[in-house]
Amino acid sequence: MSKIAIVTDSTSDMPKDIAKKLGITVVPLTVIFEKEVFLDDGKEITIDEFYKKIRSVKKLPTTTQPTPKDFIKVYSNILKEYDSIISIHISKKMSGTINSVELAKKELPGKDIEIIDTGYVHFPLGFIALKAGQLAQEGKSKQEILKNIYDLKSKVKVLFIPSTLEYLKRGGRIGKAKGLIASILEIKPILTIHDGEVSQFKTTRRWNQAKSELIQSMKNMVKNPQNLIVSVGDSDAKEDAAEMEERIKGEFNPKKIYRVDIGAVVGTHLGPGGIGITFYEE
């Protein structure tokens, strides 16, 4: 039986305990505060330290993808023990990570490395990597894993509420939601990811209204709550995330709910104070 390894990147916001349990390798991107450089691995800078820092600096940090050399090192080590790799990553339209992965694969000719551009970031990406990790651990074939994760890719949905659009705007990740900029001070938008880019989902006027509209939107989209899998993520907005978790439990009684942190790279572009709800039906 072929041994299959799962690789993802830190924009998946994969909780460390889940990655460890499922044997998923998470390759970190990098956050740069002017002259200070930190890997997005939760060690060089913790989540709490990151959000404290981003709230205090005048110049926003930048982010950068792992190099091809980083991936070559990771893949080479994995392939000492595994027969093949499924490498699952952030949307190509949001990051150069996939480019690095593709270049690394070219430097390892003859090696079985499958590259997946999920078209997502945060926990839609996380859920896809998590599912792949579960299936690999169960001993499923590469074809079975790929079929399942492409199916999940078509079902997963994500809704974000940033506390402000300023970070997305300044980081150049506003995507298809550019039309919101003209009224940036007047609205609290709900955003989603469509065709690999940040897109406008719905516009509201107040923060509490946005949270209620998000729940209502979920109610419109969810057909079978008993099969619902949800993650509630936040970028240093623990109280709001806890509230949303309780509201989701009350409305849907989902099959499984995860609480996750929005990590440093995603948090650089979403900004502090935001929440992200990811969900799908099994």
Protein backbone atom coordinates (compact mmCIF):
# COMPACT_ATOMS: atom_id res chain seq x y z
CA MET A 1 0.00 0.00 0.00
CA SER A 2 1.31 3.42 -0.99
CA LYS A 3 2.19 5.78 1.87
CA ILE A 4 0.80 9.25 1.18
CA ALA A 5 1.89 12.42 2.98
CA ILE A 6 -0.17 15.61 3.18
CA VAL A 7 1.49 19.04 3.04
CA THR A 8 -0.19 22.42 3.38
CA ASP A 9 0.91 25.96 4.25
CA SER A 10 0.34 28.18 7.26
CA THR A 11 -2.42 30.20 5.58
CA SER A 12 -4.61 27.13 6.25
CA ASP A 13 -4.62 28.24 9.91
CA MET A 14 -4.46 24.53 10.76
CA PRO A 15 -4.45 24.02 14.56
CA LYS A 16 -1.16 22.45 15.62
CA ASP A 17 -2.81 19.62 17.52
CA ILE A 18 -4.81 18.55 14.47
CA ALA A 19 -1.79 18.75 12.17
CA LYS A 20 0.23 16.64 14.60
CA LYS A 21 -2.53 14.06 15.08
CA LEU A 22 -3.02 13.62 11.33
CA GLY A 23 0.64 13.88 10.35
CA ILE A 24 0.09 16.95 8.18
CA THR A 25 3.20 19.01 7.43
CA VAL A 26 2.52 22.77 7.57
CA VAL A 27 5.05 24.94 5.70
CA PRO A 28 5.10 28.48 7.13
CA LEU A 29 4.90 31.70 5.17
CA THR A 30 6.70 34.76 6.56
CA VAL A 31 5.54 38.03 8.11
CA ILE A 32 7.85 41.05 7.88
CA PHE A 33 7.57 44.07 10.20
CA GLU A 34 10.07 46.40 8.48
CA LYS A 35 13.41 44.88 9.68
CA GLU A 36 11.87 42.10 11.80
CA VAL A 37 11.17 38.82 10.03
CA PHE A 38 9.01 36.08 11.57
CA LEU A 39 7.98 32.67 10.31
CA ASP A 40 4.22 32.16 10.60
CA ASP A 41 4.70 29.07 12.73
CA GLY A 42 3.39 30.29 16.09
CA LYS A 43 6.88 29.98 17.57
CA GLU A 44 8.88 32.94 16.26
CA ILE A 45 5.88 35.15 17.00
CA THR A 46 2.79 33.92 18.83
CA ILE A 47 -0.74 34.84 17.73
CA ASP A 48 -1.15 37.16 20.72
CA GLU A 49 2.21 38.83 20.10
CA PHE A 50 1.39 39.30 16.42
CA TYR A 51 -1.95 41.03 17.01
CA LYS A 52 -0.51 43.20 19.76
CA LYS A 53 2.26 44.24 17.37
CA ILE A 54 0.06 44.91 14.33
CA ARG A 55 -2.23 47.11 16.41
CA SER A 56 0.72 49.26 17.52
CA VAL A 57 2.85 49.73 14.38
CA LYS A 58 2.54 52.66 12.01
CA LYS A 59 3.63 50.69 8.96
CA LEU A 60 1.75 47.48 8.26
CA PRO A 61 3.73 44.26 7.90
CA THR A 62 4.15 42.48 4.59
CA THR A 63 4.05 38.76 3.88
CA THR A 64 6.01 36.46 1.63
CA GLN A 65 5.67 32.85 0.50
CA PRO A 66 8.13 30.02 1.21
CA THR A 67 10.88 29.65 -1.39
CA PRO A 68 11.18 26.68 -3.77
CA LYS A 69 14.21 25.66 -1.69
CA ASP A 70 12.01 25.52 1.41
CA PHE A 71 9.63 23.13 -0.32
CA ILE A 72 12.45 21.04 -1.82
CA LYS A 73 13.80 20.50 1.71
CA VAL A 74 10.37 19.58 3.07
CA TYR A 75 9.52 17.25 0.19
CA SER A 76 12.93 15.55 0.22
CA ASN A 77 12.64 14.76 3.92
CA ILE A 78 9.09 13.44 3.55
CA LEU A 79 9.96 11.25 0.56
CA LYS A 80 12.51 9.35 2.65
CA GLU A 81 9.52 7.71 4.35
CA TYR A 82 6.57 8.25 2.00
CA ASP A 83 5.84 7.22 -1.59
CA SER A 84 3.88 10.30 -2.62
CA ILE A 85 2.83 13.76 -1.48
CA ILE A 86 -0.40 15.69 -1.90
CA SER A 87 0.48 19.38 -1.41
CA ILE A 88 -2.58 21.56 -0.71
CA HIS A 89 -2.29 25.34 -0.81
CA ILE A 90 -3.60 28.89 -0.79
CA SER A 91 -5.16 30.33 -3.94
CA LYS A 92 -2.64 31.20 -6.63
CA LYS A 93 -4.42 34.54 -7.01
CA MET A 94 -3.63 35.46 -3.41
CA SER A 95 -0.05 34.21 -3.01
CA GLY A 96 3.02 33.02 -4.87
CA THR A 97 3.11 29.87 -2.73
CA ILE A 98 1.87 27.61 -5.55
CA ASN A 99 4.60 29.02 -7.82
CA SER A 100 7.22 27.96 -5.28
CA VAL A 101 5.62 24.53 -5.00
CA GLU A 102 5.63 24.05 -8.78
CA LEU A 103 9.29 25.09 -9.06
CA ALA A 104 10.21 22.71 -6.23
CA LYS A 105 8.44 19.84 -7.97
CA LYS A 106 10.45 20.48 -11.15
CA GLU A 107 13.63 20.09 -9.12
CA LEU A 108 12.49 16.65 -7.94
CA PRO A 109 11.85 14.83 -11.24
CA GLY A 110 10.27 11.42 -11.00
CA LYS A 111 8.84 12.09 -7.54
CA ASP A 112 5.09 11.67 -7.02
CA ILE A 113 3.98 15.14 -5.89
CA GLU A 114 0.39 16.22 -6.52
CA ILE A 115 -0.22 19.99 -6.23
CA ILE A 116 -3.67 21.31 -5.31
CA ASP A 117 -4.55 24.99 -5.71
CA THR A 118 -7.64 25.11 -3.49
CA GLY A 119 -8.61 28.62 -4.57
CA TYR A 120 -9.03 29.43 -0.88
CA VAL A 121 -7.28 30.68 2.24
CA HIS A 122 -7.90 30.21 5.99
CA PHE A 123 -10.09 27.27 6.97
CA PRO A 124 -11.64 26.33 3.64
CA LEU A 125 -8.03 25.43 2.85
CA GLY A 126 -7.71 24.01 6.36
CA PHE A 127 -10.76 21.77 5.98
CA ILE A 128 -9.48 20.41 2.65
CA ALA A 129 -6.06 19.61 4.12
CA LEU A 130 -7.70 18.14 7.23
CA LYS A 131 -9.90 15.83 5.12
CA ALA A 132 -6.89 14.73 3.09
CA GLY A 133 -5.00 14.00 6.30
CA GLN A 134 -7.86 11.92 7.69
CA LEU A 135 -8.15 9.88 4.49
CA ALA A 136 -4.40 9.34 4.22
CA GLN A 137 -4.32 8.13 7.82
CA GLU A 138 -7.15 5.70 6.99
CA GLY A 139 -4.98 4.27 4.21
CA LYS A 140 -7.10 5.51 1.32
CA SER A 141 -5.55 5.53 -2.15
CA LYS A 142 -4.30 8.70 -3.79
CA GLN A 143 -7.22 8.61 -6.23
CA GLU A 144 -9.73 8.28 -3.38
CA ILE A 145 -8.17 11.17 -1.48
CA LEU A 146 -8.14 13.42 -4.55
CA LYS A 147 -11.77 12.60 -5.38
CA ASN A 148 -12.87 13.42 -1.84
CA ILE A 149 -10.96 16.67 -1.54
CA TYR A 150 -12.14 17.96 -4.92
CA ASP A 151 -15.69 17.15 -3.83
CA LEU A 152 -15.14 19.06 -0.58
CA LYS A 153 -13.57 21.96 -2.49
CA SER A 154 -16.85 22.36 -4.38
CA LYS A 155 -18.95 22.32 -1.18
CA VAL A 156 -17.02 24.41 1.33
CA LYS A 157 -18.15 27.99 1.97
CA VAL A 158 -16.58 30.85 3.89
CA LEU A 159 -17.88 34.22 5.11
CA PHE A 160 -15.59 36.86 6.64
CA ILE A 161 -16.46 40.01 8.53
CA PRO A 162 -13.42 42.31 8.75
CA SER A 163 -13.54 45.03 11.37
CA THR A 164 -12.26 47.36 8.63
CA LEU A 165 -11.36 47.04 4.96
CA GLU A 166 -8.22 49.10 5.48
CA TYR A 167 -5.90 46.10 5.86
CA LEU A 168 -7.23 44.31 2.77
CA LYS A 169 -6.97 47.54 0.82
CA ARG A 170 -3.40 48.36 1.92
CA GLY A 171 -2.27 44.76 1.49
CA GLY A 172 -3.59 44.61 -2.07
CA ARG A 173 -5.87 41.62 -1.28
CA ILE A 174 -9.21 43.36 -1.84
CA GLY A 175 -9.77 41.24 -4.97
CA LYS A 176 -13.23 41.59 -6.48
CA ALA A 177 -14.49 43.71 -3.57
CA LYS A 178 -12.84 46.88 -4.93
CA GLY A 179 -16.24 48.56 -5.30
CA LEU A 180 -16.53 48.72 -1.52
CA ILE A 181 -13.58 51.09 -1.16
CA ALA A 182 -15.56 54.22 -2.09
CA SER A 183 -17.74 53.73 0.97
CA ILE A 184 -15.13 52.18 3.24
CA LEU A 185 -16.17 54.25 6.26
CA GLU A 186 -19.90 53.70 5.81
CA ILE A 187 -20.27 49.92 5.80
CA LYS A 188 -19.56 46.64 7.54
CA PRO A 189 -19.28 44.20 4.66
CA ILE A 190 -19.53 40.42 4.70
CA LEU A 191 -16.90 39.03 2.34
CA THR A 192 -16.39 35.64 0.76
CA ILE A 193 -13.90 34.00 -1.60
CA HIS A 194 -15.01 33.47 -5.18
CA ASP A 195 -12.86 32.26 -8.07
CA GLY A 196 -9.77 32.44 -5.87
CA GLU A 197 -10.24 36.06 -4.79
CA VAL A 198 -11.83 38.08 -2.00
CA SER A 199 -15.32 39.06 -3.12
CA GLN A 200 -18.22 41.05 -1.72
CA PHE A 201 -21.00 38.83 -0.36
CA LYS A 202 -23.30 41.27 1.38
CA THR A 203 -23.18 44.82 2.70
CA THR A 204 -24.42 45.90 6.11
CA ARG A 205 -24.14 49.09 8.12
CA ARG A 206 -23.24 47.90 11.58
CA TRP A 207 -21.07 45.19 13.15
CA ASN A 208 -23.92 43.46 15.00
CA GLN A 209 -26.06 43.58 11.87
CA ALA A 210 -23.23 41.92 9.93
CA LYS A 211 -23.05 39.08 12.45
CA SER A 212 -26.82 38.53 12.26
CA GLU A 213 -26.79 38.66 8.47
CA LEU A 214 -24.02 36.07 8.40
CA ILE A 215 -26.12 33.68 10.50
CA GLN A 216 -29.15 34.31 8.28
CA SER A 217 -27.07 33.67 5.17
CA MET A 218 -25.93 30.37 6.63
CA LYS A 219 -29.56 29.43 7.30
CA ASN A 220 -30.35 30.12 3.64
CA MET A 221 -27.46 27.93 2.44
CA VAL A 222 -27.52 24.99 4.84
CA LYS A 223 -29.89 22.19 3.83
CA ASN A 224 -29.10 19.51 6.44
CA PRO A 225 -27.81 20.98 9.72
CA GLN A 226 -27.24 17.49 11.17
CA ASN A 227 -24.44 17.07 8.60
CA LEU A 228 -22.96 20.53 9.15
CA ILE A 229 -19.24 20.95 9.88
CA VAL A 230 -18.24 24.49 10.93
CA SER A 231 -15.15 26.41 11.94
CA VAL A 232 -15.25 29.74 13.75
CA GLY A 233 -12.05 31.74 13.32
CA ASP A 234 -11.07 35.12 14.66
CA SER A 235 -8.28 37.64 14.29
CA ASP A 236 -8.04 38.70 17.93
CA ALA A 237 -11.81 38.95 18.37
CA LYS A 238 -12.38 36.20 20.92
CA GLU A 239 -15.62 37.56 22.40
CA ASP A 240 -17.27 37.99 19.00
CA ALA A 241 -16.10 34.54 17.92
CA ALA A 242 -17.44 32.95 21.13
CA GLU A 243 -20.77 34.68 20.55
CA MET A 244 -20.92 33.41 16.96
CA GLU A 245 -20.04 29.90 18.08
CA GLU A 246 -22.94 29.89 20.55
CA ARG A 247 -25.35 31.32 17.96
CA ILE A 248 -24.32 28.69 15.42
CA LYS A 249 -24.75 25.92 17.99
CA GLY A 250 -28.21 27.29 18.87
CA GLU A 251 -29.38 27.68 15.26
CA PHE A 252 -27.90 24.54 13.72
CA ASN A 253 -26.62 22.13 16.38
CA PRO A 254 -23.86 21.20 13.91
CA LYS A 255 -22.23 17.79 13.72
CA LYS A 256 -18.82 19.30 14.51
CA ILE A 257 -17.58 22.81 15.28
CA TYR A 258 -13.95 23.91 15.39
CA ARG A 259 -12.54 27.05 17.00
CA VAL A 260 -9.45 28.31 15.17
CA ASP A 261 -7.16 31.31 15.24
CA ILE A 262 -6.72 33.41 12.14
CA GLY A 263 -2.94 33.30 11.90
CA ALA A 264 -0.36 35.99 11.27
CA VAL A 265 -0.30 35.89 7.46
CA VAL A 266 -4.08 35.87 7.00
CA GLY A 267 -4.39 38.33 9.89
CA THR A 268 -1.99 40.73 8.17
CA HIS A 269 -4.46 41.12 5.32
CA LEU A 270 -7.77 40.74 7.18
CA GLY A 271 -6.64 42.92 10.06
CA PRO A 272 -7.33 42.50 13.78
CA GLY A 273 -10.87 42.28 15.09
CA GLY A 274 -12.30 40.15 12.29
CA ILE A 275 -14.12 36.84 12.21
CA GLY A 276 -14.36 34.08 9.61
CA ILE A 277 -16.96 31.30 9.46
CA THR A 278 -16.24 28.27 7.26
CA PHE A 279 -18.78 25.50 6.75
CA TYR A 280 -19.86 22.56 4.64
CA GLU A 281 -22.28 19.63 4.81
CA GLU A 282 -20.87 16.11 4.89
